[in-house]
Amino acid sequence: MTVIKTFAWFFIAVAFGVAAFEIISSIEKGEYQIMALGEVWYQADKASLNTAQAIIQRYLFAWLWDPIIIFLLTLPAWAVLTVIGLLLFYFHRRSNKRRKFLC
């Protein structure tokens, strides 16, 4: 198993974990409450979220944080993580096809 495939499985597993936690907490509270990606990241590690914001705004593009990254951070965490995992699977599959064809 390659590193890319391992990361893809990791993102899928975390997405299922977040979805399960969302369902369990919704049952306990009696109402459905979406866990945004930013909320999950903030609960996991506040410092890395703040560091990512500082790096993106200072060293990359300031406009990238406000409309684009903020939008991604407000989406449901399980959906974003699932899409990232599926994209990793897709690009890994495409790179394997190219390698087999070229070799």
N, C-alpha and C. Protein backbone atom coordinates (compact mmCIF):
# COMPACT_ATOMS: atom_id res chain seq x y z
N MET A 1 0.85 -1.18 0.00
CA MET A 1 0.00 0.00 0.00
C MET A 1 0.89 1.24 0.00
N THR A 2 0.58 2.17 -0.85
CA THR A 2 1.40 3.35 -0.95
C THR A 2 1.01 4.40 0.09
N VAL A 3 1.81 5.42 0.18
CA VAL A 3 1.57 6.48 1.14
C VAL A 3 0.28 7.23 0.79
N ILE A 4 0.07 7.48 -0.49
CA ILE A 4 -1.12 8.21 -0.91
C ILE A 4 -2.39 7.43 -0.57
N LYS A 5 -2.36 6.13 -0.80
CA LYS A 5 -3.51 5.29 -0.48
C LYS A 5 -3.75 5.25 1.04
N THR A 6 -2.68 5.24 1.81
CA THR A 6 -2.80 5.25 3.27
C THR A 6 -3.46 6.55 3.74
N PHE A 7 -3.02 7.67 3.18
CA PHE A 7 -3.65 8.95 3.54
C PHE A 7 -5.11 8.98 3.11
N ALA A 8 -5.42 8.42 1.96
CA ALA A 8 -6.80 8.39 1.50
C ALA A 8 -7.68 7.60 2.48
N TRP A 9 -7.21 6.43 2.89
CA TRP A 9 -7.96 5.63 3.87
C TRP A 9 -8.07 6.37 5.20
N PHE A 10 -7.02 7.10 5.59
CA PHE A 10 -7.06 7.86 6.83
C PHE A 10 -8.15 8.93 6.78
N PHE A 11 -8.20 9.68 5.68
CA PHE A 11 -9.23 10.72 5.55
C PHE A 11 -10.63 10.13 5.55
N ILE A 12 -10.83 9.00 4.88
CA ILE A 12 -12.13 8.34 4.87
C ILE A 12 -12.51 7.86 6.27
N ALA A 13 -11.56 7.28 6.98
CA ALA A 13 -11.83 6.79 8.34
C ALA A 13 -12.18 7.94 9.28
N VAL A 14 -11.45 9.03 9.19
CA VAL A 14 -11.75 10.19 10.04
C VAL A 14 -13.11 10.77 9.67
N ALA A 15 -13.44 10.78 8.39
CA ALA A 15 -14.75 11.27 7.97
C ALA A 15 -15.88 10.43 8.58
N PHE A 16 -15.71 9.10 8.56
CA PHE A 16 -16.72 8.24 9.19
C PHE A 16 -16.78 8.46 10.69
N GLY A 17 -15.66 8.68 11.31
CA GLY A 17 -15.63 8.97 12.75
C GLY A 17 -16.35 10.26 13.09
N VAL A 18 -16.10 11.29 12.31
CA VAL A 18 -16.78 12.57 12.54
C VAL A 18 -18.27 12.43 12.30
N ALA A 19 -18.66 11.71 11.25
CA ALA A 19 -20.09 11.50 10.98
C ALA A 19 -20.76 10.74 12.11
N ALA A 20 -20.08 9.71 12.62
CA ALA A 20 -20.64 8.95 13.75
C ALA A 20 -20.78 9.82 14.98
N PHE A 21 -19.76 10.64 15.25
CA PHE A 21 -19.83 11.55 16.40
C PHE A 21 -20.96 12.55 16.23
N GLU A 22 -21.15 13.03 15.01
CA GLU A 22 -22.23 13.97 14.72
C GLU A 22 -23.60 13.33 14.96
N ILE A 23 -23.75 12.09 14.53
CA ILE A 23 -25.02 11.38 14.71
C ILE A 23 -25.29 11.12 16.19
N ILE A 24 -24.28 10.66 16.91
CA ILE A 24 -24.45 10.37 18.34
C ILE A 24 -24.79 11.64 19.12
N SER A 25 -24.08 12.73 18.84
CA SER A 25 -24.37 13.97 19.56
C SER A 25 -25.73 14.53 19.17
N SER A 26 -26.17 14.29 17.94
CA SER A 26 -27.50 14.74 17.53
C SER A 26 -28.59 13.97 18.26
N ILE A 27 -28.36 12.67 18.46
CA ILE A 27 -29.34 11.86 19.19
C ILE A 27 -29.41 12.30 20.65
N GLU A 28 -28.26 12.58 21.23
CA GLU A 28 -28.24 13.02 22.64
C GLU A 28 -28.91 14.37 22.82
N LYS A 29 -28.67 15.30 21.90
CA LYS A 29 -29.23 16.65 22.03
C LYS A 29 -30.66 16.75 21.52
N GLY A 30 -31.06 15.81 20.69
CA GLY A 30 -32.41 15.83 20.15
C GLY A 30 -32.56 16.70 18.92
N GLU A 31 -31.48 17.26 18.43
CA GLU A 31 -31.51 18.07 17.21
C GLU A 31 -30.22 17.86 16.43
N TYR A 32 -30.35 17.99 15.11
CA TYR A 32 -29.18 17.78 14.27
C TYR A 32 -28.33 19.04 14.24
N GLN A 33 -27.07 18.88 14.53
CA GLN A 33 -26.16 20.01 14.52
C GLN A 33 -24.92 19.63 13.71
N ILE A 34 -24.65 20.37 12.65
CA ILE A 34 -23.52 20.07 11.78
C ILE A 34 -22.22 20.47 12.46
N MET A 35 -21.24 19.57 12.36
CA MET A 35 -19.90 19.90 12.85
C MET A 35 -19.09 20.38 11.66
N ALA A 36 -18.78 21.66 11.66
CA ALA A 36 -18.02 22.25 10.56
C ALA A 36 -16.56 21.81 10.64
N LEU A 37 -15.90 21.83 9.50
CA LEU A 37 -14.49 21.45 9.45
C LEU A 37 -13.65 22.34 10.35
N GLY A 38 -13.93 23.62 10.35
CA GLY A 38 -13.19 24.55 11.21
C GLY A 38 -13.37 24.25 12.68
N GLU A 39 -14.57 23.85 13.07
CA GLU A 39 -14.84 23.50 14.46
C GLU A 39 -14.07 22.25 14.88
N VAL A 40 -14.05 21.26 14.01
CA VAL A 40 -13.32 20.02 14.30
C VAL A 40 -11.82 20.30 14.40
N TRP A 41 -11.31 21.10 13.46
CA TRP A 41 -9.89 21.44 13.47
C TRP A 41 -9.55 22.25 14.72
N TYR A 42 -10.42 23.19 15.11
CA TYR A 42 -10.19 24.01 16.29
C TYR A 42 -10.16 23.14 17.55
N GLN A 43 -11.07 22.18 17.64
CA GLN A 43 -11.10 21.30 18.81
C GLN A 43 -9.89 20.38 18.85
N ALA A 44 -9.40 19.98 17.69
CA ALA A 44 -8.26 19.08 17.63
C ALA A 44 -6.96 19.80 17.97
N ASP A 45 -6.75 20.99 17.39
CA ASP A 45 -5.50 21.72 17.63
C ASP A 45 -5.69 23.18 17.25
N LYS A 46 -5.91 24.02 18.27
CA LYS A 46 -6.14 25.44 18.03
C LYS A 46 -4.93 26.12 17.40
N ALA A 47 -3.76 25.77 17.88
CA ALA A 47 -2.54 26.44 17.44
C ALA A 47 -2.27 26.22 15.96
N SER A 48 -2.52 25.02 15.46
CA SER A 48 -2.24 24.76 14.05
C SER A 48 -3.21 25.50 13.14
N LEU A 49 -4.45 25.68 13.58
CA LEU A 49 -5.41 26.45 12.79
C LEU A 49 -4.96 27.90 12.71
N ASN A 50 -4.55 28.47 13.84
CA ASN A 50 -4.06 29.84 13.84
C ASN A 50 -2.78 29.99 13.03
N THR A 51 -1.91 29.01 13.10
CA THR A 51 -0.67 29.04 12.33
C THR A 51 -0.97 28.95 10.84
N ALA A 52 -1.90 28.09 10.45
CA ALA A 52 -2.26 27.97 9.05
C ALA A 52 -2.83 29.29 8.52
N GLN A 53 -3.65 29.94 9.32
CA GLN A 53 -4.20 31.22 8.91
C GLN A 53 -3.09 32.25 8.73
N ALA A 54 -2.18 32.32 9.67
CA ALA A 54 -1.09 33.29 9.58
C ALA A 54 -0.20 33.03 8.36
N ILE A 55 0.11 31.78 8.11
CA ILE A 55 0.98 31.45 6.96
C ILE A 55 0.29 31.78 5.65
N ILE A 56 -0.98 31.42 5.53
CA ILE A 56 -1.70 31.67 4.29
C ILE A 56 -1.87 33.16 4.04
N GLN A 57 -2.20 33.92 5.09
CA GLN A 57 -2.43 35.34 4.90
C GLN A 57 -1.13 36.13 4.69
N ARG A 58 -0.07 35.74 5.37
CA ARG A 58 1.17 36.51 5.26
C ARG A 58 2.05 36.10 4.10
N TYR A 59 2.19 34.80 3.88
CA TYR A 59 3.18 34.32 2.94
C TYR A 59 2.62 33.84 1.61
N LEU A 60 1.36 33.49 1.57
CA LEU A 60 0.78 33.05 0.30
C LEU A 60 -0.05 34.18 -0.29
N PHE A 61 -1.35 34.10 -0.15
CA PHE A 61 -2.23 35.14 -0.68
C PHE A 61 -3.25 35.48 0.40
N ALA A 62 -3.36 36.75 0.73
CA ALA A 62 -4.30 37.18 1.77
C ALA A 62 -5.74 36.91 1.35
N TRP A 63 -6.03 37.06 0.05
CA TRP A 63 -7.40 36.86 -0.43
C TRP A 63 -7.80 35.38 -0.39
N LEU A 64 -6.83 34.49 -0.29
CA LEU A 64 -7.14 33.06 -0.28
C LEU A 64 -7.85 32.65 1.01
N TRP A 65 -7.49 33.28 2.13
CA TRP A 65 -8.07 32.87 3.42
C TRP A 65 -9.53 33.27 3.52
N ASP A 66 -9.82 34.56 3.28
CA ASP A 66 -11.16 35.05 3.59
C ASP A 66 -12.26 34.42 2.76
N PRO A 67 -12.29 34.47 1.47
CA PRO A 67 -13.46 33.85 0.83
C PRO A 67 -13.35 32.34 0.67
N ILE A 68 -12.17 31.81 0.37
CA ILE A 68 -12.08 30.40 -0.03
C ILE A 68 -11.91 29.48 1.17
N ILE A 69 -10.88 29.69 1.97
CA ILE A 69 -10.61 28.80 3.11
C ILE A 69 -11.72 28.90 4.15
N ILE A 70 -12.20 30.09 4.41
CA ILE A 70 -13.29 30.25 5.38
C ILE A 70 -14.52 29.48 4.91
N PHE A 71 -14.81 29.52 3.60
CA PHE A 71 -15.94 28.76 3.07
C PHE A 71 -15.74 27.27 3.31
N LEU A 72 -14.54 26.76 3.05
CA LEU A 72 -14.26 25.34 3.26
C LEU A 72 -14.36 24.96 4.74
N LEU A 73 -13.95 25.86 5.62
CA LEU A 73 -14.01 25.58 7.05
C LEU A 73 -15.43 25.58 7.59
N THR A 74 -16.38 26.16 6.88
CA THR A 74 -17.77 26.16 7.34
C THR A 74 -18.56 24.97 6.81
N LEU A 75 -17.99 24.22 5.88
CA LEU A 75 -18.67 23.03 5.35
C LEU A 75 -18.63 21.89 6.38
N PRO A 76 -19.54 20.92 6.26
CA PRO A 76 -19.51 19.77 7.17
C PRO A 76 -18.18 19.02 7.07
N ALA A 77 -17.63 18.70 8.21
CA ALA A 77 -16.30 18.07 8.24
C ALA A 77 -16.30 16.73 7.54
N TRP A 78 -17.34 15.93 7.75
CA TRP A 78 -17.35 14.60 7.14
C TRP A 78 -17.38 14.69 5.61
N ALA A 79 -18.05 15.70 5.07
CA ALA A 79 -18.13 15.84 3.62
C ALA A 79 -16.78 16.24 3.02
N VAL A 80 -16.13 17.20 3.64
CA VAL A 80 -14.84 17.67 3.13
C VAL A 80 -13.79 16.56 3.22
N LEU A 81 -13.76 15.86 4.34
CA LEU A 81 -12.78 14.79 4.52
C LEU A 81 -13.03 13.63 3.55
N THR A 82 -14.30 13.34 3.29
CA THR A 82 -14.62 12.29 2.33
C THR A 82 -14.18 12.68 0.93
N VAL A 83 -14.42 13.91 0.54
CA VAL A 83 -14.01 14.38 -0.79
C VAL A 83 -12.49 14.34 -0.93
N ILE A 84 -11.77 14.76 0.10
CA ILE A 84 -10.31 14.71 0.05
C ILE A 84 -9.84 13.26 -0.11
N GLY A 85 -10.41 12.35 0.66
CA GLY A 85 -10.03 10.94 0.56
C GLY A 85 -10.33 10.37 -0.81
N LEU A 86 -11.50 10.67 -1.36
CA LEU A 86 -11.85 10.17 -2.69
C LEU A 86 -10.97 10.76 -3.78
N LEU A 87 -10.63 12.04 -3.65
CA LEU A 87 -9.71 12.65 -4.62
C LEU A 87 -8.33 12.00 -4.57
N LEU A 88 -7.86 11.68 -3.37
CA LEU A 88 -6.57 11.00 -3.25
C LEU A 88 -6.62 9.63 -3.91
N PHE A 89 -7.71 8.89 -3.71
CA PHE A 89 -7.87 7.60 -4.39
C PHE A 89 -7.88 7.78 -5.91
N TYR A 90 -8.59 8.78 -6.38
CA TYR A 90 -8.71 9.01 -7.81
C TYR A 90 -7.36 9.35 -8.43
N PHE A 91 -6.64 10.29 -7.83
CA PHE A 91 -5.36 10.69 -8.40
C PHE A 91 -4.31 9.58 -8.27
N HIS A 92 -4.41 8.78 -7.23
CA HIS A 92 -3.50 7.64 -7.09
C HIS A 92 -3.77 6.63 -8.19
N ARG A 93 -5.02 6.40 -8.48
CA ARG A 93 -5.39 5.46 -9.54
C ARG A 93 -4.90 5.95 -10.90
N ARG A 94 -5.06 7.24 -11.14
CA ARG A 94 -4.61 7.81 -12.42
C ARG A 94 -3.10 7.73 -12.55
N SER A 95 -2.36 8.00 -11.47
CA SER A 95 -0.90 7.95 -11.55
C SER A 95 -0.42 6.51 -11.74
N ASN A 96 -1.12 5.54 -11.17
CA ASN A 96 -0.75 4.14 -11.38
C ASN A 96 -0.96 3.73 -12.83
N LYS A 97 -2.03 4.18 -13.45
CA LYS A 97 -2.28 3.85 -14.85
C LYS A 97 -1.18 4.42 -15.73
N ARG A 98 -0.76 5.65 -15.44
CA ARG A 98 0.29 6.26 -16.24
C ARG A 98 1.60 5.51 -16.07
N ARG A 99 1.91 5.12 -14.84
CA ARG A 99 3.16 4.41 -14.60
C ARG A 99 3.19 3.07 -15.32
N LYS A 100 2.08 2.35 -15.28
CA LYS A 100 2.04 1.05 -15.95
C LYS A 100 2.15 1.20 -17.47
N PHE A 101 1.57 2.28 -17.98
CA PHE A 101 1.61 2.50 -19.41
C PHE A 101 3.02 2.88 -19.87
N LEU A 102 3.68 3.70 -19.07
CA LEU A 102 5.00 4.17 -19.45
C LEU A 102 6.08 3.11 -19.26
N CYS A 103 5.90 2.22 -18.33
CA CYS A 103 6.94 1.23 -18.05
C CYS A 103 6.86 0.04 -18.97
